[in-house]
């Protein structure tokens, strides 16, 4: 069994393309997670699970965050 997609006989050629590697880069993956969390916060604020202004505050915080 492959330990990662790079070791996989099925996916290794797919990951040789720069466009695909960029999708799975640490910075891209982290940004996707922040985008999802921001969307969740906006949805929760829209239905009253969290304070109404919190969704936008969280979204803005993730938009300006710098992850190293």
Protein backbone atom coordinates (compact mmCIF):
# COMPACT_ATOMS: atom_id res chain seq x y z
CA UNK A 1 0.00 0.00 0.00
CA UNK A 2 1.28 3.48 -0.88
CA UNK A 3 2.23 5.75 2.00
CA UNK A 4 1.34 8.91 0.09
CA UNK A 5 0.01 9.99 -3.27
CA UNK A 6 3.61 10.48 -4.43
CA UNK A 7 4.28 6.78 -3.76
CA UNK A 8 1.09 5.66 -5.46
CA UNK A 9 1.39 3.94 -8.81
CA UNK A 10 -2.06 5.31 -9.64
CA UNK A 11 -1.44 8.97 -8.80
CA UNK A 12 2.31 9.58 -9.10
CA UNK A 13 2.11 10.75 -12.73
CA UNK A 14 -0.74 13.10 -11.89
CA UNK A 15 1.40 14.84 -9.28
CA UNK A 16 4.25 15.40 -11.71
CA UNK A 17 2.29 18.28 -13.24
CA UNK A 18 3.02 21.64 -11.64
CA UNK A 19 -0.64 22.67 -11.68
CA UNK A 20 -1.60 19.65 -9.58
CA UNK A 21 1.38 20.00 -7.21
CA UNK A 22 0.34 23.62 -6.64
CA UNK A 23 -3.15 22.49 -5.59
CA UNK A 24 -1.65 20.20 -2.95
CA UNK A 25 1.10 22.56 -1.77
CA UNK A 26 1.08 23.30 1.96
CA UNK A 27 0.19 26.95 1.38
CA UNK A 28 -2.72 26.08 -0.93
CA UNK A 29 -4.02 23.37 1.38
CA UNK A 30 -3.88 25.73 4.36
CA UNK A 31 -5.69 28.45 2.39
CA UNK A 32 -8.43 25.99 1.41
CA UNK A 33 -8.93 25.08 5.07
CA UNK A 34 -9.16 28.75 6.06
CA UNK A 35 -11.65 29.40 3.24
CA UNK A 36 -13.82 26.55 4.48
CA UNK A 37 -13.66 27.72 8.09
CA UNK A 38 -14.57 31.26 7.02
CA UNK A 39 -17.54 29.99 5.00
CA UNK A 40 -18.68 27.90 7.97
CA UNK A 41 -18.44 30.92 10.27
CA UNK A 42 -20.50 33.04 7.85
CA UNK A 43 -23.15 30.31 7.63
CA UNK A 44 -23.26 29.91 11.40
CA UNK A 45 -23.61 33.66 11.89
CA UNK A 46 -26.41 33.75 9.31
CA UNK A 47 -28.49 31.26 11.30
CA UNK A 48 -27.63 32.61 14.74
CA UNK A 49 -25.27 29.89 16.01
CA UNK A 50 -22.55 32.48 16.55
CA UNK A 51 -22.96 36.27 16.84
CA UNK A 52 -24.03 37.89 13.58
CA UNK A 53 -20.84 39.96 13.20
CA UNK A 54 -18.52 37.04 13.99
CA UNK A 55 -18.76 35.47 10.54
CA UNK A 56 -17.47 38.58 8.82
CA UNK A 57 -14.79 39.18 11.46
CA UNK A 58 -13.51 35.62 11.08
CA UNK A 59 -13.59 35.88 7.28
CA UNK A 60 -11.57 39.09 7.35
CA UNK A 61 -9.08 37.61 9.82
CA UNK A 62 -8.46 34.63 7.54
CA UNK A 63 -8.26 36.88 4.48
CA UNK A 64 -5.42 38.89 6.02
CA UNK A 65 -3.68 36.04 7.86
CA UNK A 66 -0.13 35.11 6.93
CA UNK A 67 0.74 31.47 7.49
CA UNK A 68 4.40 30.49 7.41
